[in-house]
Amino acid sequence: MFKFLRTLVLLALLAALALAGAAWWWLQRPLSLAAPTVELSIEPGASPREVAGAWVLAGVQEDARLLYHWFRWSGQARQIRAGSYEIHQGITPRGLLDKMVRGEEVLEQVRLIEGWTWRQFRAALARAPALKQTLQDVDDAAVMSRLGLPGASPEGRFFPDTYAYSRGVSDLTVLKRAAQAMQRKLDAAWAARAPGLPLKSADEALILASIVEKETGAAADRAMVASVFVNRLRIGMPLQTDPTVIYGLGAAFDGNLRKRDLLADTPYNTYTRGGLPPTPIAMPGVASLQAALHPAPSKALYFVARGDGSSVFSDDLAAHNRAVNQYQRGR
């Protein structure tokens, strides 16, 4: 009897070793995939069993029960993170779990450029790959309400940057991140502003920064461009900046700014109206925000483009006219 029991124990031990060996071998060998690349988006709250089944449906040609038991046996089943994943030929069961536990998602990107308008921003979001489009037929006012900014103009309210996102994330989610980023940058810049500026609020700083963004051809000139506009605001001189006029023309602008455009009164025509326009005219970057709130110390009231991206700055009209003759009229 003792010999029989010993034999049973030995057989059980051998079976356990064989099973462990088979499990180890399975964990190390590449999974069989239906295609060179298999993609899966794991929703928040998905159970380990659901994740295993979803991978099989997506193209992992294995028994879903094996995957599920591996997830549980590893002790990491509850550490699987929601997100968008992509696996390739050669990945093992161990590699698959490690990827999900580390949250190694496949991320897409959308780039929002300094100086872009809200219309350009929306167009970029509409073209962004694998971004869930929820705002196609939503007007600007409704978009801002969904962002918790009812009544605010969308122009200039979003920080230009490159935003990475998981596949299937909504356009509203990216917009929220961009709006929050701009608010943080604006709040920080306003809190550290230079004293004595002719600006009543952070919103006015944002408007001025957007003008600086559009008017600056060379980065080194940015603080001087801001200085010109700050100096004009201080003495009540019209800003007389073409980008605001162009913005006010909207879709009617054909690329050629004419004298009649400068005379046509709109809320954004800074030739016919004093002070700042009612909203920003573009998305300013950090450098333009800093320039608007820390302009260069100068008495300059004018500037003209040299033709190489940089500008010549003048304190009075006579000097400005000479610069215009030299750099614009070739005299």
C-alpha atoms as a PDB file:
ATOM      1  CA  MET A   1       0.000   0.000   0.000  1.00  0.00           C
ATOM      2  CA  PHE A   2       2.782   2.417   0.876  1.00  0.00           C
ATOM      3  CA  LYS A   3       4.529   1.607  -2.370  1.00  0.00           C
ATOM      4  CA  PHE A   4       1.323   2.300  -4.300  1.00  0.00           C
ATOM      5  CA  LEU A   5       0.865   5.676  -2.574  1.00  0.00           C
ATOM      6  CA  ARG A   6       4.445   6.590  -3.264  1.00  0.00           C
ATOM      7  CA  THR A   7       3.917   5.791  -6.905  1.00  0.00           C
ATOM      8  CA  LEU A   8       0.807   7.979  -7.020  1.00  0.00           C
ATOM      9  CA  VAL A   9       2.662  10.877  -5.409  1.00  0.00           C
ATOM     10  CA  LEU A  10       5.505  10.449  -7.857  1.00  0.00           C
ATOM     11  CA  LEU A  11       3.111  10.379 -10.799  1.00  0.00           C
ATOM     12  CA  ALA A  12       1.298  13.455  -9.489  1.00  0.00           C
ATOM     13  CA  LEU A  13       4.633  15.236  -9.076  1.00  0.00           C
ATOM     14  CA  LEU A  14       5.679  14.310 -12.589  1.00  0.00           C
ATOM     15  CA  ALA A  15       2.330  15.474 -13.928  1.00  0.00           C
ATOM     16  CA  ALA A  16       2.697  18.766 -12.059  1.00  0.00           C
ATOM     17  CA  LEU A  17       6.197  19.218 -13.423  1.00  0.00           C
ATOM     18  CA  ALA A  18       4.982  18.416 -16.924  1.00  0.00           C
ATOM     19  CA  LEU A  19       2.142  20.889 -16.532  1.00  0.00           C
ATOM     20  CA  ALA A  20       4.504  23.548 -15.213  1.00  0.00           C
ATOM     21  CA  GLY A  21       6.872  22.869 -18.080  1.00  0.00           C
ATOM     22  CA  ALA A  22       4.059  23.132 -20.589  1.00  0.00           C
ATOM     23  CA  ALA A  23       2.895  26.392 -19.006  1.00  0.00           C
ATOM     24  CA  TRP A  24       6.427  27.798 -19.042  1.00  0.00           C
ATOM     25  CA  TRP A  25       6.833  26.784 -22.675  1.00  0.00           C
ATOM     26  CA  TRP A  26       3.498  28.401 -23.601  1.00  0.00           C
ATOM     27  CA  LEU A  27       4.389  31.631 -21.845  1.00  0.00           C
ATOM     28  CA  GLN A  28       7.668  31.895 -23.749  1.00  0.00           C
ATOM     29  CA  ARG A  29       6.481  31.012 -27.233  1.00  0.00           C
ATOM     30  CA  PRO A  30       5.075  33.630 -29.634  1.00  0.00           C
ATOM     31  CA  LEU A  31       1.330  33.944 -29.774  1.00  0.00           C
ATOM     32  CA  SER A  32      -0.357  32.987 -33.011  1.00  0.00           C
ATOM     33  CA  LEU A  33      -1.807  36.122 -34.665  1.00  0.00           C
ATOM     34  CA  ALA A  34      -4.292  36.347 -37.525  1.00  0.00           C
ATOM     35  CA  ALA A  35      -2.325  39.269 -39.022  1.00  0.00           C
ATOM     36  CA  PRO A  36       1.134  40.823 -38.651  1.00  0.00           C
ATOM     37  CA  THR A  37      -0.402  43.487 -36.405  1.00  0.00           C
ATOM     38  CA  VAL A  38      -3.373  43.150 -34.057  1.00  0.00           C
ATOM     39  CA  GLU A  39      -4.957  46.167 -32.397  1.00  0.00           C
ATOM     40  CA  LEU A  40      -7.313  46.397 -29.433  1.00  0.00           C
ATOM     41  CA  SER A  41      -8.844  49.207 -27.399  1.00  0.00           C
ATOM     42  CA  ILE A  42      -9.521  48.156 -23.801  1.00  0.00           C
ATOM     43  CA  GLU A  43     -12.343  50.114 -22.244  1.00  0.00           C
ATOM     44  CA  PRO A  44     -12.108  51.294 -18.632  1.00  0.00           C
ATOM     45  CA  GLY A  45     -13.645  48.747 -16.264  1.00  0.00           C
ATOM     46  CA  ALA A  46     -13.182  45.744 -18.576  1.00  0.00           C
ATOM     47  CA  SER A  47     -12.658  42.510 -16.595  1.00  0.00           C
ATOM     48  CA  PRO A  48      -9.627  40.258 -17.205  1.00  0.00           C
ATOM     49  CA  ARG A  49     -11.954  37.667 -18.768  1.00  0.00           C
ATOM     50  CA  GLU A  50     -13.375  40.302 -21.123  1.00  0.00           C
ATOM     51  CA  VAL A  51      -9.877  41.470 -22.048  1.00  0.00           C
ATOM     52  CA  ALA A  52      -8.797  37.929 -22.884  1.00  0.00           C
ATOM     53  CA  GLY A  53     -11.888  37.373 -25.017  1.00  0.00           C
ATOM     54  CA  ALA A  54     -11.436  40.711 -26.765  1.00  0.00           C
ATOM     55  CA  TRP A  55      -7.884  39.855 -27.790  1.00  0.00           C
ATOM     56  CA  VAL A  56      -9.087  36.595 -29.321  1.00  0.00           C
ATOM     57  CA  LEU A  57     -11.833  38.406 -31.231  1.00  0.00           C
ATOM     58  CA  ALA A  58      -9.283  40.972 -32.396  1.00  0.00           C
ATOM     59  CA  GLY A  59      -7.038  38.310 -33.920  1.00  0.00           C
ATOM     60  CA  VAL A  60      -5.009  36.477 -31.244  1.00  0.00           C
ATOM     61  CA  GLN A  61      -5.471  32.843 -32.267  1.00  0.00           C
ATOM     62  CA  GLU A  62      -5.318  31.262 -28.836  1.00  0.00           C
ATOM     63  CA  ASP A  63      -7.844  29.848 -26.404  1.00  0.00           C
ATOM     64  CA  ALA A  64      -9.291  32.816 -24.505  1.00  0.00           C
ATOM     65  CA  ARG A  65      -9.421  30.648 -21.383  1.00  0.00           C
ATOM     66  CA  LEU A  66      -5.653  30.168 -21.471  1.00  0.00           C
ATOM     67  CA  LEU A  67      -5.100  33.925 -21.707  1.00  0.00           C
ATOM     68  CA  TYR A  68      -7.571  34.589 -18.904  1.00  0.00           C
ATOM     69  CA  HIS A  69      -6.019  31.993 -16.563  1.00  0.00           C
ATOM     70  CA  TRP A  70      -2.557  33.370 -17.308  1.00  0.00           C
ATOM     71  CA  PHE A  71      -3.717  36.887 -16.413  1.00  0.00           C
ATOM     72  CA  ARG A  72      -5.149  35.605 -13.121  1.00  0.00           C
ATOM     73  CA  TRP A  73      -2.273  33.255 -12.262  1.00  0.00           C
ATOM     74  CA  SER A  74       0.260  36.076 -12.788  1.00  0.00           C
ATOM     75  CA  GLY A  75      -1.324  38.121  -9.982  1.00  0.00           C
ATOM     76  CA  GLN A  76      -1.409  41.155 -12.291  1.00  0.00           C
ATOM     77  CA  ALA A  77      -4.874  40.791 -13.761  1.00  0.00           C
ATOM     78  CA  ARG A  78      -6.216  43.827 -11.895  1.00  0.00           C
ATOM     79  CA  GLN A  79      -3.253  45.925 -13.036  1.00  0.00           C
ATOM     80  CA  ILE A  80      -4.235  45.789 -16.712  1.00  0.00           C
ATOM     81  CA  ARG A  81      -4.749  49.363 -17.909  1.00  0.00           C
ATOM     82  CA  ALA A  82      -7.405  50.610 -20.267  1.00  0.00           C
ATOM     83  CA  GLY A  83      -6.112  52.056 -23.522  1.00  0.00           C
ATOM     84  CA  SER A  84      -5.278  51.382 -27.168  1.00  0.00           C
ATOM     85  CA  TYR A  85      -2.759  48.609 -27.785  1.00  0.00           C
ATOM     86  CA  GLU A  86      -0.981  47.195 -30.805  1.00  0.00           C
ATOM     87  CA  ILE A  87       0.900  43.893 -30.878  1.00  0.00           C
ATOM     88  CA  HIS A  88       3.023  42.291 -33.572  1.00  0.00           C
ATOM     89  CA  GLN A  89       4.177  38.851 -34.630  1.00  0.00           C
ATOM     90  CA  GLY A  90       6.611  37.426 -32.097  1.00  0.00           C
ATOM     91  CA  ILE A  91       4.940  38.700 -28.941  1.00  0.00           C
ATOM     92  CA  THR A  92       4.545  36.132 -26.162  1.00  0.00           C
ATOM     93  CA  PRO A  93       1.743  35.793 -23.576  1.00  0.00           C
ATOM     94  CA  ARG A  94       4.157  37.250 -21.027  1.00  0.00           C
ATOM     95  CA  GLY A  95       4.958  40.170 -23.346  1.00  0.00           C
ATOM     96  CA  LEU A  96       1.271  40.815 -23.973  1.00  0.00           C
ATOM     97  CA  LEU A  97       0.479  41.063 -20.267  1.00  0.00           C
ATOM     98  CA  ASP A  98       3.554  43.190 -19.571  1.00  0.00           C
ATOM     99  CA  LYS A  99       2.485  45.641 -22.278  1.00  0.00           C
ATOM    100  CA  MET A 100      -0.994  46.053 -20.762  1.00  0.00           C
ATOM    101  CA  VAL A 101       0.272  46.320 -17.193  1.00  0.00           C
ATOM    102  CA  ARG A 102       2.798  49.005 -18.159  1.00  0.00           C
ATOM    103  CA  GLY A 103       0.179  50.804 -20.209  1.00  0.00           C
ATOM    104  CA  GLU A 104       2.302  50.821 -23.373  1.00  0.00           C
ATOM    105  CA  GLU A 105      -0.425  52.254 -25.532  1.00  0.00           C
ATOM    106  CA  VAL A 106      -0.327  53.185 -29.187  1.00  0.00           C
ATOM    107  CA  LEU A 107      -0.745  56.962 -29.160  1.00  0.00           C
ATOM    108  CA  GLU A 108      -1.742  59.244 -31.988  1.00  0.00           C
ATOM    109  CA  GLN A 109      -0.795  62.922 -32.148  1.00  0.00           C
ATOM    110  CA  VAL A 110      -2.314  66.173 -33.305  1.00  0.00           C
ATOM    111  CA  ARG A 111      -0.160  69.276 -33.611  1.00  0.00           C
ATOM    112  CA  LEU A 112      -1.647  72.732 -33.026  1.00  0.00           C
ATOM    113  CA  ILE A 113       0.519  75.538 -34.345  1.00  0.00           C
ATOM    114  CA  GLU A 114       1.257  78.949 -32.820  1.00  0.00           C
ATOM    115  CA  GLY A 115      -0.642  81.609 -34.717  1.00  0.00           C
ATOM    116  CA  TRP A 116      -3.415  79.308 -35.888  1.00  0.00           C
ATOM    117  CA  THR A 117      -6.978  80.514 -35.639  1.00  0.00           C
ATOM    118  CA  TRP A 118      -9.805  78.585 -34.031  1.00  0.00           C
ATOM    119  CA  ARG A 119     -11.058  77.627 -37.502  1.00  0.00           C
ATOM    120  CA  GLN A 120      -7.679  76.096 -38.369  1.00  0.00           C
ATOM    121  CA  PHE A 121      -7.620  74.387 -34.984  1.00  0.00           C
ATOM    122  CA  ARG A 122     -11.002  72.746 -35.561  1.00  0.00           C
ATOM    123  CA  ALA A 123      -9.951  71.631 -39.027  1.00  0.00           C
ATOM    124  CA  ALA A 124      -6.825  69.957 -37.601  1.00  0.00           C
ATOM    125  CA  LEU A 125      -8.904  68.105 -35.010  1.00  0.00           C
ATOM    126  CA  ALA A 126     -11.310  66.958 -37.715  1.00  0.00           C
ATOM    127  CA  ARG A 127      -8.362  65.460 -39.650  1.00  0.00           C
ATOM    128  CA  ALA A 128      -6.650  63.905 -36.621  1.00  0.00           C
ATOM    129  CA  PRO A 129      -6.239  60.111 -36.950  1.00  0.00           C
ATOM    130  CA  ALA A 130      -8.347  57.809 -34.766  1.00  0.00           C
ATOM    131  CA  LEU A 131      -9.857  60.745 -32.871  1.00  0.00           C
ATOM    132  CA  LYS A 132     -13.525  60.274 -32.031  1.00  0.00           C
ATOM    133  CA  GLN A 133     -15.387  63.120 -33.717  1.00  0.00           C
ATOM    134  CA  THR A 134     -18.204  64.449 -31.550  1.00  0.00           C
ATOM    135  CA  LEU A 135     -18.246  68.121 -32.547  1.00  0.00           C
ATOM    136  CA  GLN A 136     -18.768  68.105 -36.337  1.00  0.00           C
ATOM    137  CA  ASP A 137     -22.201  69.713 -36.196  1.00  0.00           C
ATOM    138  CA  VAL A 138     -21.746  71.612 -32.931  1.00  0.00           C
ATOM    139  CA  ASP A 139     -21.476  75.401 -33.153  1.00  0.00           C
ATOM    140  CA  ASP A 140     -18.757  77.366 -31.377  1.00  0.00           C
ATOM    141  CA  ALA A 141     -20.995  78.530 -28.528  1.00  0.00           C
ATOM    142  CA  ALA A 142     -22.072  74.967 -27.757  1.00  0.00           C
ATOM    143  CA  VAL A 143     -18.464  73.745 -27.880  1.00  0.00           C
ATOM    144  CA  MET A 144     -17.444  76.330 -25.296  1.00  0.00           C
ATOM    145  CA  SER A 145     -20.401  75.387 -23.107  1.00  0.00           C
ATOM    146  CA  ARG A 146     -19.338  71.737 -23.207  1.00  0.00           C
ATOM    147  CA  LEU A 147     -15.885  72.851 -22.108  1.00  0.00           C
ATOM    148  CA  GLY A 148     -17.360  74.679 -19.134  1.00  0.00           C
ATOM    149  CA  LEU A 149     -16.650  78.094 -20.678  1.00  0.00           C
ATOM    150  CA  PRO A 150     -20.136  79.337 -21.650  1.00  0.00           C
ATOM    151  CA  GLY A 151     -20.152  82.713 -23.351  1.00  0.00           C
ATOM    152  CA  ALA A 152     -16.391  82.739 -24.010  1.00  0.00           C
ATOM    153  CA  SER A 153     -15.003  83.151 -27.506  1.00  0.00           C
ATOM    154  CA  PRO A 154     -12.978  80.099 -28.571  1.00  0.00           C
ATOM    155  CA  GLU A 155     -10.390  82.214 -30.342  1.00  0.00           C
ATOM    156  CA  GLY A 156      -7.038  82.099 -28.586  1.00  0.00           C
ATOM    157  CA  ARG A 157      -8.323  79.936 -25.724  1.00  0.00           C
ATOM    158  CA  PHE A 158      -6.345  76.812 -26.626  1.00  0.00           C
ATOM    159  CA  PHE A 159      -2.637  76.335 -26.136  1.00  0.00           C
ATOM    160  CA  PRO A 160      -0.683  75.461 -29.283  1.00  0.00           C
ATOM    161  CA  ASP A 161       1.250  72.265 -28.690  1.00  0.00           C
ATOM    162  CA  THR A 162       1.517  68.636 -29.798  1.00  0.00           C
ATOM    163  CA  TYR A 163      -1.113  66.535 -28.040  1.00  0.00           C
ATOM    164  CA  ALA A 164      -0.781  62.757 -27.796  1.00  0.00           C
ATOM    165  CA  TYR A 165      -3.942  60.741 -27.274  1.00  0.00           C
ATOM    166  CA  SER A 166      -5.190  57.169 -27.235  1.00  0.00           C
ATOM    167  CA  ARG A 167      -7.102  55.934 -30.232  1.00  0.00           C
ATOM    168  CA  GLY A 168     -10.816  56.451 -29.792  1.00  0.00           C
ATOM    169  CA  VAL A 169     -10.439  59.443 -27.464  1.00  0.00           C
ATOM    170  CA  SER A 170     -12.908  62.227 -28.274  1.00  0.00           C
ATOM    171  CA  ASP A 171     -12.067  65.576 -29.826  1.00  0.00           C
ATOM    172  CA  LEU A 172     -13.669  67.215 -26.791  1.00  0.00           C
ATOM    173  CA  THR A 173     -11.095  65.528 -24.529  1.00  0.00           C
ATOM    174  CA  VAL A 174      -8.206  66.988 -26.541  1.00  0.00           C
ATOM    175  CA  LEU A 175      -9.894  70.397 -26.542  1.00  0.00           C
ATOM    176  CA  LYS A 176     -10.245  70.302 -22.761  1.00  0.00           C
ATOM    177  CA  ARG A 177      -6.554  69.570 -22.376  1.00  0.00           C
ATOM    178  CA  ALA A 178      -5.630  72.425 -24.720  1.00  0.00           C
ATOM    179  CA  ALA A 179      -7.991  74.867 -22.975  1.00  0.00           C
ATOM    180  CA  GLN A 180      -6.687  73.929 -19.538  1.00  0.00           C
ATOM    181  CA  ALA A 181      -3.094  74.256 -20.738  1.00  0.00           C
ATOM    182  CA  MET A 182      -3.729  77.756 -22.095  1.00  0.00           C
ATOM    183  CA  GLN A 183      -5.450  78.826 -18.882  1.00  0.00           C
ATOM    184  CA  ARG A 184      -2.496  77.602 -16.803  1.00  0.00           C
ATOM    185  CA  LYS A 185       0.032  79.381 -19.040  1.00  0.00           C
ATOM    186  CA  LEU A 186      -2.031  82.571 -19.064  1.00  0.00           C
ATOM    187  CA  ASP A 187      -2.583  82.588 -15.297  1.00  0.00           C
ATOM    188  CA  ALA A 188       1.129  82.082 -14.625  1.00  0.00           C
ATOM    189  CA  ALA A 189       2.173  84.767 -17.103  1.00  0.00           C
ATOM    190  CA  TRP A 190      -0.389  87.259 -15.785  1.00  0.00           C
ATOM    191  CA  ALA A 191       0.672  86.672 -12.171  1.00  0.00           C
ATOM    192  CA  ALA A 192       4.297  87.456 -13.090  1.00  0.00           C
ATOM    193  CA  ARG A 193       3.539  90.404 -15.411  1.00  0.00           C
ATOM    194  CA  ALA A 194       5.647  93.537 -15.487  1.00  0.00           C
ATOM    195  CA  PRO A 195       4.231  96.469 -13.496  1.00  0.00           C
ATOM    196  CA  GLY A 196       2.471  99.411 -15.121  1.00  0.00           C
ATOM    197  CA  LEU A 197       1.112  97.698 -18.210  1.00  0.00           C
ATOM    198  CA  PRO A 198      -1.957  99.271 -19.865  1.00  0.00           C
ATOM    199  CA  LEU A 199      -3.835  95.969 -19.603  1.00  0.00           C
ATOM    200  CA  LYS A 200      -6.845  95.510 -17.333  1.00  0.00           C
ATOM    201  CA  SER A 201      -7.074  91.722 -17.285  1.00  0.00           C
ATOM    202  CA  ALA A 202      -5.493  88.454 -18.301  1.00  0.00           C
ATOM    203  CA  ASP A 203      -7.964  88.311 -21.182  1.00  0.00           C
ATOM    204  CA  GLU A 204      -6.570  91.575 -22.539  1.00  0.00           C
ATOM    205  CA  ALA A 205      -3.072  90.117 -22.218  1.00  0.00           C
ATOM    206  CA  LEU A 206      -4.209  87.125 -24.275  1.00  0.00           C
ATOM    207  CA  ILE A 207      -5.583  89.431 -26.980  1.00  0.00           C
ATOM    208  CA  LEU A 208      -2.343  91.413 -27.122  1.00  0.00           C
ATOM    209  CA  ALA A 209      -0.271  88.210 -27.178  1.00  0.00           C
ATOM    210  CA  SER A 210      -2.257  86.959 -30.168  1.00  0.00           C
ATOM    211  CA  ILE A 211      -1.474  90.171 -32.070  1.00  0.00           C
ATOM    212  CA  VAL A 212       2.214  89.878 -31.173  1.00  0.00           C
ATOM    213  CA  GLU A 213       2.123  86.266 -32.407  1.00  0.00           C
ATOM    214  CA  LYS A 214       0.757  87.294 -35.803  1.00  0.00           C
ATOM    215  CA  GLU A 215       2.968  90.372 -36.201  1.00  0.00           C
ATOM    216  CA  THR A 216       6.328  88.822 -35.279  1.00  0.00           C
ATOM    217  CA  GLY A 217       8.486  87.646 -38.163  1.00  0.00           C
ATOM    218  CA  ALA A 218      11.672  87.011 -36.199  1.00  0.00           C
ATOM    219  CA  ALA A 219      11.636  85.592 -32.678  1.00  0.00           C
ATOM    220  CA  ALA A 220      14.272  88.096 -31.550  1.00  0.00           C
ATOM    221  CA  ASP A 221      11.875  90.960 -32.369  1.00  0.00           C
ATOM    222  CA  ARG A 222       8.953  89.678 -30.321  1.00  0.00           C
ATOM    223  CA  ALA A 223       9.509  91.806 -27.203  1.00  0.00           C
ATOM    224  CA  MET A 224      10.003  94.921 -29.337  1.00  0.00           C
ATOM    225  CA  VAL A 225       6.827  94.251 -31.308  1.00  0.00           C
ATOM    226  CA  ALA A 226       4.995  93.980 -27.986  1.00  0.00           C
ATOM    227  CA  SER A 227       6.647  97.203 -26.846  1.00  0.00           C
ATOM    228  CA  VAL A 228       5.274  99.109 -29.865  1.00  0.00           C
ATOM    229  CA  PHE A 229       1.711  98.031 -29.128  1.00  0.00           C
ATOM    230  CA  VAL A 230       2.036  98.649 -25.386  1.00  0.00           C
ATOM    231  CA  ASN A 231       3.408 102.132 -26.088  1.00  0.00           C
ATOM    232  CA  ARG A 232       0.511 102.855 -28.427  1.00  0.00           C
ATOM    233  CA  LEU A 233      -2.019 101.675 -25.851  1.00  0.00           C
ATOM    234  CA  ARG A 234      -0.431 103.920 -23.236  1.00  0.00           C
ATOM    235  CA  ILE A 235      -0.888 107.093 -25.307  1.00  0.00           C
ATOM    236  CA  GLY A 236      -4.233 106.141 -26.845  1.00  0.00           C
ATOM    237  CA  MET A 237      -2.808 105.683 -30.321  1.00  0.00           C
ATOM    238  CA  PRO A 238      -4.656 103.190 -32.573  1.00  0.00           C
ATOM    239  CA  LEU A 239      -2.845  99.890 -32.866  1.00  0.00           C
ATOM    240  CA  GLN A 240      -3.152  99.964 -36.659  1.00  0.00           C
ATOM    241  CA  THR A 241      -2.188  96.337 -37.140  1.00  0.00           C
ATOM    242  CA  ASP A 242      -3.067  94.511 -40.363  1.00  0.00           C
ATOM    243  CA  PRO A 243      -3.595  91.034 -38.842  1.00  0.00           C
ATOM    244  CA  THR A 244      -6.594  92.258 -36.850  1.00  0.00           C
ATOM    245  CA  VAL A 245      -8.136  93.749 -39.995  1.00  0.00           C
ATOM    246  CA  ILE A 246      -7.562  90.486 -41.856  1.00  0.00           C
ATOM    247  CA  TYR A 247      -9.145  88.543 -39.022  1.00  0.00           C
ATOM    248  CA  GLY A 248     -12.189  90.825 -39.133  1.00  0.00           C
ATOM    249  CA  LEU A 249     -12.601  90.178 -42.857  1.00  0.00           C
ATOM    250  CA  GLY A 250     -12.863  86.451 -42.196  1.00  0.00           C
ATOM    251  CA  ALA A 251     -13.537  84.294 -45.254  1.00  0.00           C
ATOM    252  CA  ALA A 252     -13.847  87.441 -47.385  1.00  0.00           C
ATOM    253  CA  PHE A 253     -10.087  87.980 -47.218  1.00  0.00           C
ATOM    254  CA  ASP A 254      -8.541  86.805 -50.498  1.00  0.00           C
ATOM    255  CA  GLY A 255      -4.892  87.207 -49.521  1.00  0.00           C
ATOM    256  CA  ASN A 256      -4.592  90.793 -50.718  1.00  0.00           C
ATOM    257  CA  LEU A 257      -5.201  93.527 -48.133  1.00  0.00           C
ATOM    258  CA  ARG A 258      -6.501  96.641 -49.873  1.00  0.00           C
ATOM    259  CA  LYS A 259      -6.901 100.263 -48.779  1.00  0.00           C
ATOM    260  CA  ARG A 260     -10.680  99.842 -48.715  1.00  0.00           C
ATOM    261  CA  ASP A 261     -10.233  96.978 -46.248  1.00  0.00           C
ATOM    262  CA  LEU A 262      -8.312  99.280 -43.903  1.00  0.00           C
ATOM    263  CA  LEU A 263     -11.164 101.801 -44.106  1.00  0.00           C
ATOM    264  CA  ALA A 264     -13.997  99.281 -43.657  1.00  0.00           C
ATOM    265  CA  ASP A 265     -15.052  99.432 -40.030  1.00  0.00           C
ATOM    266  CA  THR A 266     -15.368  96.142 -38.138  1.00  0.00           C
ATOM    267  CA  PRO A 267     -14.858  95.352 -34.438  1.00  0.00           C
ATOM    268  CA  TYR A 268     -11.400  94.083 -35.426  1.00  0.00           C
ATOM    269  CA  ASN A 269     -10.295  97.058 -37.523  1.00  0.00           C
ATOM    270  CA  THR A 270      -7.633  98.675 -35.361  1.00  0.00           C
ATOM    271  CA  TYR A 271      -7.263 101.500 -37.889  1.00  0.00           C
ATOM    272  CA  THR A 272     -10.844 102.690 -37.349  1.00  0.00           C
ATOM    273  CA  ARG A 273     -11.175 101.732 -33.678  1.00  0.00           C
ATOM    274  CA  GLY A 274      -8.980 102.417 -30.688  1.00  0.00           C
ATOM    275  CA  GLY A 275      -7.733  99.931 -28.135  1.00  0.00           C
ATOM    276  CA  LEU A 276      -7.627  96.164 -28.384  1.00  0.00           C
ATOM    277  CA  PRO A 277     -10.006  94.129 -30.542  1.00  0.00           C
ATOM    278  CA  PRO A 278     -12.795  92.256 -28.712  1.00  0.00           C
ATOM    279  CA  THR A 279     -11.127  88.831 -28.776  1.00  0.00           C
ATOM    280  CA  PRO A 280      -7.769  87.273 -29.620  1.00  0.00           C
ATOM    281  CA  ILE A 281      -7.129  86.758 -33.319  1.00  0.00           C
ATOM    282  CA  ALA A 282      -5.079  83.555 -33.019  1.00  0.00           C
ATOM    283  CA  MET A 283      -3.507  81.103 -30.583  1.00  0.00           C
ATOM    284  CA  PRO A 284      -0.377  82.656 -29.052  1.00  0.00           C
ATOM    285  CA  GLY A 285       2.485  80.575 -27.779  1.00  0.00           C
ATOM    286  CA  VAL A 286       4.351  81.047 -24.506  1.00  0.00           C
ATOM    287  CA  ALA A 287       6.925  83.371 -26.075  1.00  0.00           C
ATOM    288  CA  SER A 288       4.228  85.776 -27.247  1.00  0.00           C
ATOM    289  CA  LEU A 289       2.487  85.664 -23.865  1.00  0.00           C
ATOM    290  CA  GLN A 290       5.763  86.521 -22.170  1.00  0.00           C
ATOM    291  CA  ALA A 291       6.486  89.329 -24.646  1.00  0.00           C
ATOM    292  CA  ALA A 292       3.040  90.867 -24.164  1.00  0.00           C
ATOM    293  CA  LEU A 293       3.511  90.899 -20.398  1.00  0.00           C
ATOM    294  CA  HIS A 294       7.227  91.763 -20.432  1.00  0.00           C
ATOM    295  CA  PRO A 295       7.676  94.067 -23.426  1.00  0.00           C
ATOM    296  CA  ALA A 296      11.098  95.473 -24.195  1.00  0.00           C
ATOM    297  CA  PRO A 297      11.770  98.865 -22.596  1.00  0.00           C
ATOM    298  CA  SER A 298      11.548 101.293 -25.513  1.00  0.00           C
ATOM    299  CA  LYS A 299       9.797 104.382 -26.866  1.00  0.00           C
ATOM    300  CA  ALA A 300       9.166 102.759 -30.249  1.00  0.00           C
ATOM    301  CA  LEU A 301       5.795 103.429 -31.856  1.00  0.00           C
ATOM    302  CA  TYR A 302       6.408 102.035 -35.327  1.00  0.00           C
ATOM    303  CA  PHE A 303       8.016  99.098 -37.072  1.00  0.00           C
ATOM    304  CA  VAL A 304       8.451  97.981 -40.650  1.00  0.00           C
ATOM    305  CA  ALA A 305       9.599  94.675 -42.101  1.00  0.00           C
ATOM    306  CA  ARG A 306      13.089  94.539 -43.574  1.00  0.00           C
ATOM    307  CA  GLY A 307      12.155  91.746 -45.921  1.00  0.00           C
ATOM    308  CA  ASP A 308      14.205  89.065 -44.190  1.00  0.00           C
ATOM    309  CA  GLY A 309      11.694  88.380 -41.403  1.00  0.00           C
ATOM    310  CA  SER A 310      13.113  90.975 -39.028  1.00  0.00           C
ATOM    311  CA  SER A 311      11.819  94.511 -38.444  1.00  0.00           C
ATOM    312  CA  VAL A 312      13.138  98.034 -38.014  1.00  0.00           C
ATOM    313  CA  PHE A 313      11.687  99.929 -35.051  1.00  0.00           C
ATOM    314  CA  SER A 314      11.257 103.707 -34.874  1.00  0.00           C
ATOM    315  CA  ASP A 315      10.338 106.136 -32.106  1.00  0.00           C
ATOM    316  CA  ASP A 316       8.744 108.739 -34.374  1.00  0.00           C
ATOM    317  CA  LEU A 317       6.933 108.999 -37.688  1.00  0.00           C
ATOM    318  CA  ALA A 318       9.767 110.700 -39.552  1.00  0.00           C
ATOM    319  CA  ALA A 319      12.188 107.881 -38.748  1.00  0.00           C
ATOM    320  CA  HIS A 320       9.517 105.338 -39.618  1.00  0.00           C
ATOM    321  CA  ASN A 321       8.898 106.939 -43.007  1.00  0.00           C
ATOM    322  CA  ARG A 322      12.618 106.785 -43.755  1.00  0.00           C
ATOM    323  CA  ALA A 323      12.637 103.081 -42.858  1.00  0.00           C
ATOM    324  CA  VAL A 324       9.598 102.476 -45.059  1.00  0.00           C
ATOM    325  CA  ASN A 325      11.296 104.226 -47.991  1.00  0.00           C
ATOM    326  CA  GLN A 326      14.443 102.175 -47.483  1.00  0.00           C
ATOM    327  CA  TYR A 327      12.991  98.736 -46.901  1.00  0.00           C
ATOM    328  CA  GLN A 328       9.600  98.832 -48.611  1.00  0.00           C
ATOM    329  CA  ARG A 329       9.991 101.288 -51.459  1.00  0.00           C
ATOM    330  CA  GLY A 330      13.695 100.807 -52.177  1.00  0.00           C
ATOM    331  CA  ARG A 331      14.513 104.501 -52.101  1.00  0.00           C
END
